[in-house]
PDB file of N, CA and C in Angstrom:
ATOM      1  N   MET A   1     159.826 147.196  90.395  1.00  0.00           N
ATOM      2  CA  MET A   1     158.960 148.471  88.986  1.00  0.00           C
ATOM      3  C   MET A   1     157.690 147.554  89.242  1.00  0.00           C
ATOM      4  N   LYS A   2     156.643 148.144  89.098  1.00  0.00           N
ATOM      5  CA  LYS A   2     155.245 147.511  88.794  1.00  0.00           C
ATOM      6  C   LYS A   2     155.022 146.967  87.175  1.00  0.00           C
ATOM      7  N   ARG A   3     154.460 146.037  86.837  1.00  0.00           N
ATOM      8  CA  ARG A   3     154.373 145.623  85.697  1.00  0.00           C
ATOM      9  C   ARG A   3     153.394 144.935  85.653  1.00  0.00           C
ATOM     10  N   THR A   4     152.635 145.243  84.509  1.00  0.00           N
ATOM     11  CA  THR A   4     150.735 144.406  84.065  1.00  0.00           C
ATOM     12  C   THR A   4     151.062 143.149  83.553  1.00  0.00           C
ATOM     13  N   ILE A   5     150.354 142.125  83.653  1.00  0.00           N
ATOM     14  CA  ILE A   5     150.062 141.143  83.180  1.00  0.00           C
ATOM     15  C   ILE A   5     149.099 140.923  82.099  1.00  0.00           C
ATOM     16  N   SER A   6     148.860 140.461  81.139  1.00  0.00           N
ATOM     17  CA  SER A   6     147.843 139.859  80.159  1.00  0.00           C
ATOM     18  C   SER A   6     148.129 138.683  79.371  1.00  0.00           C
ATOM     19  N   THR A   7     146.942 138.220  79.416  1.00  0.00           N
ATOM     20  CA  THR A   7     146.862 136.683  78.795  1.00  0.00           C
ATOM     21  C   THR A   7     145.684 136.391  77.756  1.00  0.00           C
ATOM     22  N   ASP A   8     145.749 136.434  76.636  1.00  0.00           N
ATOM     23  CA  ASP A   8     144.430 135.933  75.821  1.00  0.00           C
ATOM     24  C   ASP A   8     143.862 134.451  76.548  1.00  0.00           C
ATOM     25  N   ASP A   9     144.443 133.658  76.981  1.00  0.00           N
ATOM     26  CA  ASP A   9     144.274 132.722  77.697  1.00  0.00           C
ATOM     27  C   ASP A   9     143.126 132.943  79.381  1.00  0.00           C
ATOM     28  N   ALA A  10     142.924 133.758  79.513  1.00  0.00           N
ATOM     29  CA  ALA A  10     142.199 134.441  80.577  1.00  0.00           C
ATOM     30  C   ALA A  10     141.299 135.283  80.337  1.00  0.00           C
ATOM     31  N   PRO A  11     139.871 136.152  80.661  1.00  0.00           N
ATOM     32  CA  PRO A  11     139.164 136.544  80.257  1.00  0.00           C
ATOM     33  C   PRO A  11     139.693 138.034  80.208  1.00  0.00           C
ATOM     34  N   GLU A  12     139.311 139.209  79.005  1.00  0.00           N
ATOM     35  CA  GLU A  12     139.744 140.120  79.369  1.00  0.00           C
ATOM     36  C   GLU A  12     139.516 140.748  80.552  1.00  0.00           C
ATOM     37  N   ALA A  13     139.897 141.654  81.089  1.00  0.00           N
ATOM     38  CA  ALA A  13     139.491 142.611  82.409  1.00  0.00           C
ATOM     39  C   ALA A  13     138.020 143.648  82.036  1.00  0.00           C
ATOM     40  N   VAL A  14     137.302 143.223  82.777  1.00  0.00           N
ATOM     41  CA  VAL A  14     136.214 143.969  82.109  1.00  0.00           C
ATOM     42  C   VAL A  14     135.896 145.583  82.953  1.00  0.00           C
ATOM     43  N   GLY A  15     137.198 146.038  83.180  1.00  0.00           N
ATOM     44  CA  GLY A  15     136.749 147.377  83.860  1.00  0.00           C
ATOM     45  C   GLY A  15     138.149 148.078  83.953  1.00  0.00           C
ATOM     46  N   ALA A  16     138.357 148.700  84.896  1.00  0.00           N
ATOM     47  CA  ALA A  16     139.686 149.459  85.072  1.00  0.00           C
ATOM     48  C   ALA A  16     140.736 148.562  85.566  1.00  0.00           C
ATOM     49  N   TYR A  17     140.922 147.632  85.479  1.00  0.00           N
ATOM     50  CA  TYR A  17     142.083 146.674  86.126  1.00  0.00           C
ATOM     51  C   TYR A  17     142.716 145.616  85.143  1.00  0.00           C
ATOM     52  N   SER A  18     143.882 145.168  85.599  1.00  0.00           N
ATOM     53  CA  SER A  18     144.789 144.525  85.007  1.00  0.00           C
ATOM     54  C   SER A  18     144.325 142.878  85.367  1.00  0.00           C
ATOM     55  N   GLN A  19     144.729 142.158  84.703  1.00  0.00           N
ATOM     56  CA  GLN A  19     144.291 140.506  84.832  1.00  0.00           C
ATOM     57  C   GLN A  19     145.263 140.360  86.072  1.00  0.00           C
ATOM     58  N   ALA A  20     146.719 140.887  85.610  1.00  0.00           N
ATOM     59  CA  ALA A  20     147.537 140.686  87.198  1.00  0.00           C
ATOM     60  C   ALA A  20     148.439 141.727  87.206  1.00  0.00           C
ATOM     61  N   THR A  21     149.071 141.963  88.172  1.00  0.00           N
ATOM     62  CA  THR A  21     150.422 143.019  88.659  1.00  0.00           C
ATOM     63  C   THR A  21     151.338 142.128  88.988  1.00  0.00           C
ATOM     64  N   THR A  22     152.519 142.620  88.981  1.00  0.00           N
ATOM     65  CA  THR A  22     153.960 142.315  89.811  1.00  0.00           C
ATOM     66  C   THR A  22     154.798 143.348  90.072  1.00  0.00           C
ATOM     67  N   ASP A  23     155.667 142.929  91.119  1.00  0.00           N
ATOM     68  CA  ASP A  23     156.621 143.779  91.164  1.00  0.00           C
ATOM     69  C   ASP A  23     158.020 142.737  90.792  1.00  0.00           C
ATOM     70  N   GLY A  24     157.664 141.694  90.709  1.00  0.00           N
ATOM     71  CA  GLY A  24     158.847 141.010  89.895  1.00  0.00           C
ATOM     72  C   GLY A  24     159.121 140.115  91.000  1.00  0.00           C
ATOM     73  N   SER A  25     158.573 139.966  92.088  1.00  0.00           N
ATOM     74  CA  SER A  25     159.115 139.183  93.339  1.00  0.00           C
ATOM     75  C   SER A  25     157.542 138.561  93.639  1.00  0.00           C
ATOM     76  N   THR A  26     156.587 138.976  93.416  1.00  0.00           N
ATOM     77  CA  THR A  26     155.257 138.523  94.098  1.00  0.00           C
ATOM     78  C   THR A  26     153.992 139.199  92.674  1.00  0.00           C
ATOM     79  N   LEU A  27     153.430 138.236  92.476  1.00  0.00           N
ATOM     80  CA  LEU A  27     152.127 138.388  91.687  1.00  0.00           C
ATOM     81  C   LEU A  27     150.739 138.370  91.912  1.00  0.00           C
ATOM     82  N   TYR A  28     150.118 139.392  91.637  1.00  0.00           N
ATOM     83  CA  TYR A  28     148.787 139.571  92.466  1.00  0.00           C
ATOM     84  C   TYR A  28     147.596 139.575  91.035  1.00  0.00           C
ATOM     85  N   THR A  29     146.619 138.445  91.024  1.00  0.00           N
ATOM     86  CA  THR A  29     145.743 138.175  90.294  1.00  0.00           C
ATOM     87  C   THR A  29     144.456 139.377  90.490  1.00  0.00           C
ATOM     88  N   ALA A  30     143.788 139.407  89.884  1.00  0.00           N
ATOM     89  CA  ALA A  30     142.328 140.036  89.782  1.00  0.00           C
ATOM     90  C   ALA A  30     141.536 139.164  90.156  1.00  0.00           C
ATOM     91  N   GLY A  31     140.575 139.197  90.974  1.00  0.00           N
ATOM     92  CA  GLY A  31     139.157 138.313  90.615  1.00  0.00           C
ATOM     93  C   GLY A  31     138.846 137.694  89.926  1.00  0.00           C
ATOM     94  N   GLN A  32     138.892 136.361  89.724  1.00  0.00           N
ATOM     95  CA  GLN A  32     138.544 135.808  88.559  1.00  0.00           C
ATOM     96  C   GLN A  32     137.109 135.186  88.814  1.00  0.00           C
ATOM     97  N   ILE A  33     136.063 135.054  87.858  1.00  0.00           N
ATOM     98  CA  ILE A  33     134.997 134.475  87.818  1.00  0.00           C
ATOM     99  C   ILE A  33     134.973 133.629  86.624  1.00  0.00           C
ATOM    100  N   PRO A  34     133.718 132.703  86.967  1.00  0.00           N
ATOM    101  CA  PRO A  34     133.215 131.799  85.548  1.00  0.00           C
ATOM    102  C   PRO A  34     133.010 132.151  84.401  1.00  0.00           C
ATOM    103  N   LEU A  35     134.299 133.176  84.113  1.00  0.00           N
ATOM    104  CA  LEU A  35     134.104 134.073  82.696  1.00  0.00           C
ATOM    105  C   LEU A  35     135.116 133.403  81.646  1.00  0.00           C
ATOM    106  N   THR A  36     134.817 132.713  80.718  1.00  0.00           N
ATOM    107  CA  THR A  36     135.852 132.258  79.453  1.00  0.00           C
ATOM    108  C   THR A  36     136.572 132.878  78.845  1.00  0.00           C
ATOM    109  N   PRO A  37     137.824 132.718  78.541  1.00  0.00           N
ATOM    110  CA  PRO A  37     138.423 133.488  77.252  1.00  0.00           C
ATOM    111  C   PRO A  37     137.667 134.357  76.581  1.00  0.00           C
ATOM    112  N   ASP A  38     136.754 133.333  76.159  1.00  0.00           N
ATOM    113  CA  ASP A  38     135.798 133.904  74.447  1.00  0.00           C
ATOM    114  C   ASP A  38     134.908 134.685  75.280  1.00  0.00           C
ATOM    115  N   GLY A  39     134.719 135.015  76.692  1.00  0.00           N
ATOM    116  CA  GLY A  39     133.396 135.681  77.189  1.00  0.00           C
ATOM    117  C   GLY A  39     132.521 135.299  77.360  1.00  0.00           C
ATOM    118  N   ASP A  40     132.206 133.808  77.222  1.00  0.00           N
ATOM    119  CA  ASP A  40     130.692 133.229  77.854  1.00  0.00           C
ATOM    120  C   ASP A  40     131.197 133.150  79.192  1.00  0.00           C
ATOM    121  N   LEU A  41     129.801 133.545  79.748  1.00  0.00           N
ATOM    122  CA  LEU A  41     129.708 134.102  81.366  1.00  0.00           C
ATOM    123  C   LEU A  41     128.737 132.727  81.636  1.00  0.00           C
ATOM    124  N   HIS A  42     129.259 131.529  82.900  1.00  0.00           N
ATOM    125  CA  HIS A  42     128.907 130.698  83.113  1.00  0.00           C
ATOM    126  C   HIS A  42     128.245 131.155  84.955  1.00  0.00           C
ATOM    127  N   ALA A  43     127.282 131.951  85.179  1.00  0.00           N
ATOM    128  CA  ALA A  43     126.599 132.310  86.259  1.00  0.00           C
ATOM    129  C   ALA A  43     125.436 131.383  86.716  1.00  0.00           C
ATOM    130  N   ASP A  44     125.036 130.944  85.581  1.00  0.00           N
ATOM    131  CA  ASP A  44     123.873 130.183  86.228  1.00  0.00           C
ATOM    132  C   ASP A  44     124.347 128.183  86.200  1.00  0.00           C
ATOM    133  N   ALA A  45     125.597 128.189  86.456  1.00  0.00           N
ATOM    134  CA  ALA A  45     126.568 127.091  86.414  1.00  0.00           C
ATOM    135  C   ALA A  45     126.366 126.474  88.124  1.00  0.00           C
ATOM    136  N   ASP A  46     126.350 125.298  88.702  1.00  0.00           N
ATOM    137  CA  ASP A  46     126.798 125.041  89.627  1.00  0.00           C
ATOM    138  C   ASP A  46     127.966 125.651  90.034  1.00  0.00           C
ATOM    139  N   ILE A  47     128.311 125.510  91.231  1.00  0.00           N
ATOM    140  CA  ILE A  47     129.309 126.373  92.183  1.00  0.00           C
ATOM    141  C   ILE A  47     130.287 125.226  91.675  1.00  0.00           C
ATOM    142  N   ALA A  48     130.816 124.303  91.694  1.00  0.00           N
ATOM    143  CA  ALA A  48     131.704 123.262  91.473  1.00  0.00           C
ATOM    144  C   ALA A  48     132.644 124.285  90.028  1.00  0.00           C
ATOM    145  N   THR A  49     131.413 123.910  88.975  1.00  0.00           N
ATOM    146  CA  THR A  49     131.467 124.394  87.648  1.00  0.00           C
ATOM    147  C   THR A  49     132.028 125.651  87.626  1.00  0.00           C
ATOM    148  N   GLN A  50     131.444 126.768  88.268  1.00  0.00           N
ATOM    149  CA  GLN A  50     132.035 127.983  88.470  1.00  0.00           C
ATOM    150  C   GLN A  50     133.382 128.259  89.034  1.00  0.00           C
ATOM    151  N   THR A  51     133.513 127.394  90.215  1.00  0.00           N
ATOM    152  CA  THR A  51     134.684 127.216  90.890  1.00  0.00           C
ATOM    153  C   THR A  51     136.475 126.903  89.689  1.00  0.00           C
ATOM    154  N   GLU A  52     135.871 126.042  89.152  1.00  0.00           N
ATOM    155  CA  GLU A  52     136.945 125.147  88.030  1.00  0.00           C
ATOM    156  C   GLU A  52     137.104 126.530  87.144  1.00  0.00           C
ATOM    157  N   LEU A  53     136.253 126.866  86.573  1.00  0.00           N
ATOM    158  CA  LEU A  53     136.491 127.750  85.774  1.00  0.00           C
ATOM    159  C   LEU A  53     136.956 129.362  86.256  1.00  0.00           C
ATOM    160  N   ALA A  54     136.772 129.791  87.177  1.00  0.00           N
ATOM    161  CA  ALA A  54     137.406 130.893  87.915  1.00  0.00           C
ATOM    162  C   ALA A  54     138.924 130.730  88.508  1.00  0.00           C
ATOM    163  N   LEU A  55     139.066 129.427  88.779  1.00  0.00           N
ATOM    164  CA  LEU A  55     140.394 128.606  89.001  1.00  0.00           C
ATOM    165  C   LEU A  55     141.511 128.070  87.783  1.00  0.00           C
ATOM    166  N   ASP A  56     140.715 128.141  86.683  1.00  0.00           N
ATOM    167  CA  ASP A  56     141.283 127.647  85.277  1.00  0.00           C
ATOM    168  C   ASP A  56     141.564 129.067  84.751  1.00  0.00           C
ATOM    169  N   ASN A  57     141.066 130.139  85.388  1.00  0.00           N
ATOM    170  CA  ASN A  57     141.782 131.479  84.776  1.00  0.00           C
ATOM    171  C   ASN A  57     142.448 132.040  85.732  1.00  0.00           C
ATOM    172  N   VAL A  58     142.848 131.886  86.914  1.00  0.00           N
ATOM    173  CA  VAL A  58     143.810 131.914  87.729  1.00  0.00           C
ATOM    174  C   VAL A  58     144.993 131.418  87.351  1.00  0.00           C
ATOM    175  N   MET A  59     144.713 130.028  87.165  1.00  0.00           N
ATOM    176  CA  MET A  59     145.918 129.006  86.640  1.00  0.00           C
ATOM    177  C   MET A  59     146.481 129.872  85.024  1.00  0.00           C
ATOM    178  N   ALA A  60     145.971 130.277  84.516  1.00  0.00           N
ATOM    179  CA  ALA A  60     145.880 130.618  82.942  1.00  0.00           C
ATOM    180  C   ALA A  60     146.880 132.074  83.377  1.00  0.00           C
ATOM    181  N   ILE A  61     146.793 133.058  83.795  1.00  0.00           N
ATOM    182  CA  ILE A  61     147.187 133.871  84.330  1.00  0.00           C
ATOM    183  C   ILE A  61     148.802 133.751  84.576  1.00  0.00           C
ATOM    184  N   LEU A  62     148.759 132.403  85.415  1.00  0.00           N
ATOM    185  CA  LEU A  62     149.940 132.394  86.040  1.00  0.00           C
ATOM    186  C   LEU A  62     150.304 131.830  85.081  1.00  0.00           C
ATOM    187  N   ALA A  63     150.511 130.904  84.511  1.00  0.00           N
ATOM    188  CA  ALA A  63     151.040 130.428  83.108  1.00  0.00           C
ATOM    189  C   ALA A  63     151.739 131.100  82.392  1.00  0.00           C
ATOM    190  N   ALA A  64     151.062 132.357  82.190  1.00  0.00           N
ATOM    191  CA  ALA A  64     151.630 133.282  81.435  1.00  0.00           C
ATOM    192  C   ALA A  64     153.123 133.805  81.668  1.00  0.00           C
ATOM    193  N   GLU A  65     153.348 133.607  83.040  1.00  0.00           N
ATOM    194  CA  GLU A  65     154.143 134.042  83.744  1.00  0.00           C
ATOM    195  C   GLU A  65     155.386 132.797  84.232  1.00  0.00           C
ATOM    196  N   ASP A  66     154.915 131.529  83.416  1.00  0.00           N
ATOM    197  CA  ASP A  66     155.788 130.310  83.964  1.00  0.00           C
ATOM    198  C   ASP A  66     155.940 129.820  85.359  1.00  0.00           C
ATOM    199  N   LEU A  67     154.205 130.438  85.975  1.00  0.00           N
ATOM    200  CA  LEU A  67     153.929 129.834  87.361  1.00  0.00           C
ATOM    201  C   LEU A  67     152.925 128.826  87.230  1.00  0.00           C
ATOM    202  N   ALA A  68     152.640 128.207  88.710  1.00  0.00           N
ATOM    203  CA  ALA A  68     151.839 127.138  88.837  1.00  0.00           C
ATOM    204  C   ALA A  68     151.051 127.104  90.057  1.00  0.00           C
ATOM    205  N   ALA A  69     150.242 126.365  90.316  1.00  0.00           N
ATOM    206  CA  ALA A  69     149.685 126.045  91.436  1.00  0.00           C
ATOM    207  C   ALA A  69     150.645 126.053  92.667  1.00  0.00           C
ATOM    208  N   GLU A  70     151.797 125.919  92.721  1.00  0.00           N
ATOM    209  CA  GLU A  70     152.612 125.670  93.689  1.00  0.00           C
ATOM    210  C   GLU A  70     153.060 126.744  94.153  1.00  0.00           C
ATOM    211  N   HIS A  71     153.349 127.835  93.379  1.00  0.00           N
ATOM    212  CA  HIS A  71     153.425 129.209  93.388  1.00  0.00           C
ATOM    213  C   HIS A  71     152.516 130.070  94.187  1.00  0.00           C
ATOM    214  N   ILE A  72     151.520 129.825  94.590  1.00  0.00           N
ATOM    215  CA  ILE A  72     150.582 130.469  94.769  1.00  0.00           C
ATOM    216  C   ILE A  72     150.473 130.498  96.549  1.00  0.00           C
ATOM    217  N   LEU A  73     150.716 131.654  97.107  1.00  0.00           N
ATOM    218  CA  LEU A  73     150.857 131.851  98.596  1.00  0.00           C
ATOM    219  C   LEU A  73     149.533 131.943  99.438  1.00  0.00           C
ATOM    220  N   LYS A  74     148.495 132.740  98.944  1.00  0.00           N
ATOM    221  CA  LYS A  74     147.385 132.853  99.377  1.00  0.00           C
ATOM    222  C   LYS A  74     146.045 133.359  98.359  1.00  0.00           C
ATOM    223  N   THR A  75     145.147 132.678  98.713  1.00  0.00           N
ATOM    224  CA  THR A  75     143.927 132.870  97.769  1.00  0.00           C
ATOM    225  C   THR A  75     143.098 133.373  98.612  1.00  0.00           C
ATOM    226  N   THR A  76     142.069 134.227  97.769  1.00  0.00           N
ATOM    227  CA  THR A  76     140.673 134.942  98.619  1.00  0.00           C
ATOM    228  C   THR A  76     139.638 134.277  97.687  1.00  0.00           C
ATOM    229  N   VAL A  77     139.057 133.559  98.654  1.00  0.00           N
ATOM    230  CA  VAL A  77     137.631 132.847  97.708  1.00  0.00           C
ATOM    231  C   VAL A  77     136.174 134.161  97.864  1.00  0.00           C
ATOM    232  N   PHE A  78     135.755 134.766  97.267  1.00  0.00           N
ATOM    233  CA  PHE A  78     134.549 135.283  97.461  1.00  0.00           C
ATOM    234  C   PHE A  78     133.058 134.619  97.026  1.00  0.00           C
ATOM    235  N   LEU A  79     132.006 134.382  98.242  1.00  0.00           N
ATOM    236  CA  LEU A  79     131.486 133.246  97.601  1.00  0.00           C
ATOM    237  C   LEU A  79     130.051 134.302  97.679  1.00  0.00           C
ATOM    238  N   ALA A  80     129.224 134.079  96.695  1.00  0.00           N
ATOM    239  CA  ALA A  80     127.805 134.936  96.964  1.00  0.00           C
ATOM    240  C   ALA A  80     126.673 134.147  98.128  1.00  0.00           C
ATOM    241  N   ASP A  81     126.973 132.977  98.605  1.00  0.00           N
ATOM    242  CA  ASP A  81     126.432 132.096  99.170  1.00  0.00           C
ATOM    243  C   ASP A  81     127.619 131.103 100.213  1.00  0.00           C
ATOM    244  N   ILE A  82     127.643 131.862 101.555  1.00  0.00           N
ATOM    245  CA  ILE A  82     128.764 130.616 102.062  1.00  0.00           C
ATOM    246  C   ILE A  82     128.229 129.021 102.068  1.00  0.00           C
ATOM    247  N   ASP A  83     126.803 128.867 101.837  1.00  0.00           N
ATOM    248  CA  ASP A  83     126.381 127.517 102.344  1.00  0.00           C
ATOM    249  C   ASP A  83     126.757 127.047 100.925  1.00  0.00           C
ATOM    250  N   ASP A  84     127.649 127.533  99.792  1.00  0.00           N
ATOM    251  CA  ASP A  84     128.115 127.042  98.606  1.00  0.00           C
ATOM    252  C   ASP A  84     129.929 126.415  98.932  1.00  0.00           C
ATOM    253  N   PHE A  85     130.145 126.786 100.399  1.00  0.00           N
ATOM    254  CA  PHE A  85     131.411 126.595 100.537  1.00  0.00           C
ATOM    255  C   PHE A  85     131.831 125.141 100.337  1.00  0.00           C
ATOM    256  N   GLY A  86     131.256 124.385 100.853  1.00  0.00           N
ATOM    257  CA  GLY A  86     131.221 122.653 100.629  1.00  0.00           C
ATOM    258  C   GLY A  86     132.064 122.156  99.232  1.00  0.00           C
ATOM    259  N   ALA A  87     130.948 122.658  98.204  1.00  0.00           N
ATOM    260  CA  ALA A  87     130.936 122.025  96.888  1.00  0.00           C
ATOM    261  C   ALA A  87     132.247 123.189  96.557  1.00  0.00           C
ATOM    262  N   MET A  88     132.388 124.126  96.686  1.00  0.00           N
ATOM    263  CA  MET A  88     133.596 124.973  96.120  1.00  0.00           C
ATOM    264  C   MET A  88     134.768 124.523  96.636  1.00  0.00           C
ATOM    265  N   ASN A  89     134.426 124.151  97.991  1.00  0.00           N
ATOM    266  CA  ASN A  89     135.712 123.202  98.740  1.00  0.00           C
ATOM    267  C   ASN A  89     136.214 122.080  97.846  1.00  0.00           C
ATOM    268  N   GLU A  90     135.612 121.263  97.422  1.00  0.00           N
ATOM    269  CA  GLU A  90     135.859 119.778  97.062  1.00  0.00           C
ATOM    270  C   GLU A  90     136.395 120.015  95.725  1.00  0.00           C
ATOM    271  N   THR A  91     136.055 121.254  94.560  1.00  0.00           N
ATOM    272  CA  THR A  91     136.776 121.883  93.485  1.00  0.00           C
ATOM    273  C   THR A  91     137.954 122.318  93.653  1.00  0.00           C
ATOM    274  N   TYR A  92     137.927 123.305  94.592  1.00  0.00           N
ATOM    275  CA  TYR A  92     139.368 123.590  94.765  1.00  0.00           C
ATOM    276  C   TYR A  92     140.195 122.856  95.367  1.00  0.00           C
ATOM    277  N   GLU A  93     140.031 121.930  96.237  1.00  0.00           N
ATOM    278  CA  GLU A  93     140.903 121.276  96.697  1.00  0.00           C
ATOM    279  C   GLU A  93     141.671 120.095  95.336  1.00  0.00           C
ATOM    280  N   THR A  94     141.237 119.809  94.450  1.00  0.00           N
ATOM    281  CA  THR A  94     141.906 119.260  93.423  1.00  0.00           C
ATOM    282  C   THR A  94     142.875 120.071  92.706  1.00  0.00           C
ATOM    283  N   TYR A  95     142.772 121.348  92.893  1.00  0.00           N
ATOM    284  CA  TYR A  95     143.991 122.515  92.370  1.00  0.00           C
ATOM    285  C   TYR A  95     145.348 122.271  93.382  1.00  0.00           C
ATOM    286  N   PHE A  96     145.250 121.788  94.582  1.00  0.00           N
ATOM    287  CA  PHE A  96     145.842 122.156  95.447  1.00  0.00           C
ATOM    288  C   PHE A  96     145.989 120.753  96.573  1.00  0.00           C
ATOM    289  N   ALA A  97     146.585 120.019  95.901  1.00  0.00           N
ATOM    290  CA  ALA A  97     146.656 118.625  96.477  1.00  0.00           C
ATOM    291  C   ALA A  97     147.481 118.253  97.577  1.00  0.00           C
ATOM    292  N   ALA A  98     148.301 119.112  97.364  1.00  0.00           N
ATOM    293  CA  ALA A  98     149.981 119.022  98.210  1.00  0.00           C
ATOM    294  C   ALA A  98     149.976 120.615  98.400  1.00  0.00           C
ATOM    295  N   ALA A  99     150.384 120.765  99.950  1.00  0.00           N
ATOM    296  CA  ALA A  99     150.969 122.287 100.169  1.00  0.00           C
ATOM    297  C   ALA A  99     149.889 123.350  99.976  1.00  0.00           C
ATOM    298  N   PRO A 100     148.440 123.269 100.080  1.00  0.00           N
ATOM    299  CA  PRO A 100     147.836 124.341  99.506  1.00  0.00           C
ATOM    300  C   PRO A 100     148.291 125.620 100.079  1.00  0.00           C
ATOM    301  N   PRO A 101     147.884 126.851  99.754  1.00  0.00           N
ATOM    302  CA  PRO A 101     148.196 128.030  99.887  1.00  0.00           C
ATOM    303  C   PRO A 101     147.129 128.596 101.261  1.00  0.00           C
ATOM    304  N   ALA A 102     147.659 129.236 101.889  1.00  0.00           N
ATOM    305  CA  ALA A 102     146.730 130.229 103.138  1.00  0.00           C
ATOM    306  C   ALA A 102     145.404 130.448 101.986  1.00  0.00           C
ATOM    307  N   ARG A 103     144.367 130.789 102.841  1.00  0.00           N
ATOM    308  CA  ARG A 103     143.228 130.831 102.061  1.00  0.00           C
ATOM    309  C   ARG A 103     142.216 131.984 102.764  1.00  0.00           C
ATOM    310  N   SER A 104     141.111 132.617 102.462  1.00  0.00           N
ATOM    311  CA  SER A 104     140.478 133.201 103.251  1.00  0.00           C
ATOM    312  C   SER A 104     139.198 132.911 102.166  1.00  0.00           C
ATOM    313  N   ALA A 105     137.913 132.551 102.950  1.00  0.00           N
ATOM    314  CA  ALA A 105     136.708 132.331 102.155  1.00  0.00           C
ATOM    315  C   ALA A 105     135.694 133.052 103.239  1.00  0.00           C
ATOM    316  N   VAL A 106     135.085 134.436 102.047  1.00  0.00           N
ATOM    317  CA  VAL A 106     133.834 135.005 102.878  1.00  0.00           C
ATOM    318  C   VAL A 106     132.685 135.367 101.691  1.00  0.00           C
ATOM    319  N   GLU A 107     131.685 135.013 102.517  1.00  0.00           N
ATOM    320  CA  GLU A 107     130.477 135.716 101.725  1.00  0.00           C
ATOM    321  C   GLU A 107     130.071 136.631 101.649  1.00  0.00           C
ATOM    322  N   ALA A 108     130.407 137.230 100.160  1.00  0.00           N
ATOM    323  CA  ALA A 108     130.446 138.667  99.707  1.00  0.00           C
ATOM    324  C   ALA A 108     128.568 139.261  99.464  1.00  0.00           C
ATOM    325  N   GLY A 109     127.963 138.296  99.169  1.00  0.00           N
ATOM    326  CA  GLY A 109     126.323 138.756  99.138  1.00  0.00           C
ATOM    327  C   GLY A 109     126.416 139.245  97.378  1.00  0.00           C
ATOM    328  N   ALA A 110     126.503 139.828  97.222  1.00  0.00           N
ATOM    329  CA  ALA A 110     126.648 139.977  95.304  1.00  0.00           C
ATOM    330  C   ALA A 110     128.133 139.987  94.711  1.00  0.00           C
ATOM    331  N   LEU A 111     127.769 139.269  93.793  1.00  0.00           N
ATOM    332  CA  LEU A 111     129.397 139.351  93.041  1.00  0.00           C
ATOM    333  C   LEU A 111     129.353 139.953  91.560  1.00  0.00           C
ATOM    334  N   PRO A 112     130.310 140.288  91.039  1.00  0.00           N
ATOM    335  CA  PRO A 112     129.915 140.574  89.467  1.00  0.00           C
ATOM    336  C   PRO A 112     129.090 139.819  88.824  1.00  0.00           C
ATOM    337  N   LYS A 113     128.590 140.552  87.994  1.00  0.00           N
ATOM    338  CA  LYS A 113     127.734 139.791  86.580  1.00  0.00           C
ATOM    339  C   LYS A 113     127.006 138.872  87.366  1.00  0.00           C
ATOM    340  N   GLY A 114     126.592 138.897  88.654  1.00  0.00           N
ATOM    341  CA  GLY A 114     125.745 137.688  89.401  1.00  0.00           C
ATOM    342  C   GLY A 114     126.258 136.331  89.514  1.00  0.00           C
ATOM    343  N   VAL A 115     127.448 136.108  89.521  1.00  0.00           N
ATOM    344  CA  VAL A 115     128.334 134.834  89.728  1.00  0.00           C
ATOM    345  C   VAL A 115     128.117 134.518  91.024  1.00  0.00           C
ATOM    346  N   GLY A 116     128.614 132.997  91.224  1.00  0.00           N
ATOM    347  CA  GLY A 116     128.546 132.781  92.542  1.00  0.00           C
ATOM    348  C   GLY A 116     129.602 132.695  93.431  1.00  0.00           C
ATOM    349  N   VAL A 117     131.100 132.859  92.756  1.00  0.00           N
ATOM    350  CA  VAL A 117     132.098 132.949  93.137  1.00  0.00           C
ATOM    351  C   VAL A 117     133.427 133.724  92.407  1.00  0.00           C
ATOM    352  N   GLU A 118     133.905 134.440  93.103  1.00  0.00           N
ATOM    353  CA  GLU A 118     135.314 135.431  92.618  1.00  0.00           C
ATOM    354  C   GLU A 118     136.804 134.425  93.425  1.00  0.00           C
ATOM    355  N   ILE A 119     137.478 134.437  92.775  1.00  0.00           N
ATOM    356  CA  ILE A 119     138.721 134.072  93.280  1.00  0.00           C
ATOM    357  C   ILE A 119     139.646 134.913  92.948  1.00  0.00           C
ATOM    358  N   GLU A 120     140.594 135.336  93.841  1.00  0.00           N
ATOM    359  CA  GLU A 120     142.172 136.113  93.537  1.00  0.00           C
ATOM    360  C   GLU A 120     143.311 134.947  94.127  1.00  0.00           C
ATOM    361  N   ALA A 121     144.407 135.687  93.788  1.00  0.00           N
ATOM    362  CA  ALA A 121     145.256 134.725  94.191  1.00  0.00           C
ATOM    363  C   ALA A 121     146.797 135.740  94.471  1.00  0.00           C
ATOM    364  N   VAL A 122     147.474 135.312  95.012  1.00  0.00           N
ATOM    365  CA  VAL A 122     148.608 136.320  95.057  1.00  0.00           C
ATOM    366  C   VAL A 122     149.782 134.926  95.211  1.00  0.00           C
ATOM    367  N   ALA A 123     151.098 135.131  94.345  1.00  0.00           N
ATOM    368  CA  ALA A 123     151.754 134.062  93.909  1.00  0.00           C
ATOM    369  C   ALA A 123     153.270 134.900  93.716  1.00  0.00           C
ATOM    370  N   THR A 124     154.293 133.789  94.090  1.00  0.00           N
ATOM    371  CA  THR A 124     155.646 134.111  94.659  1.00  0.00           C
ATOM    372  C   THR A 124     156.524 133.591  93.070  1.00  0.00           C
ATOM    373  N   TYR A 125     157.385 134.220  92.681  1.00  0.00           N
ATOM    374  CA  TYR A 125     158.284 134.101  91.794  1.00  0.00           C
ATOM    375  C   TYR A 125     159.245 132.861  92.525  1.00  0.00           C
ATOM    376  N   PRO A 126     159.656 131.619  92.007  1.00  0.00           N
ATOM    377  CA  PRO A 126     160.627 130.962  92.549  1.00  0.00           C
ATOM    378  C   PRO A 126     162.164 131.602  92.379  1.00  0.00           C
ATOM    379  N   GLU A 127     162.575 132.559  91.690  1.00  0.00           N
ATOM    380  CA  GLU A 127     163.477 133.014  91.545  1.00  0.00           C
ATOM    381  C   GLU A 127     163.861 134.209  92.501  1.00  0.00           C
ATOM    382  N   ALA A 128     162.845 134.707  92.852  1.00  0.00           N
ATOM    383  CA  ALA A 128     163.039 136.100  93.680  1.00  0.00           C
ATOM    384  C   ALA A 128     163.423 135.684  94.934  1.00  0.00           C
TER     385      ALA A 128
END
């Protein structure tokens, strides 16, 4: 049965979507951007900082379900400019030092609110 997940430790959804949904075995996050839980947008920050903020939001959503980075099966990284891949990847690697999840990274051209990166994740529950 589908259940929605919401935490005050990540930004509120800015549209008709949930921060995450789950069926009890797999959790799907919405794309996370460099927006703080307080609503401060960091679209002008360098891509490393934007990546850190987006991943912090992903991790906060996981934490609301007692999950962590090691439970992530796959991420999708959307970049406004694929030339930012190297800088994004340097920051990304710090979140997934051992056994990183599968990942796709694509240039999306234009992202919400003019940000440089958006990241979504699929995670599994250890007891599932």
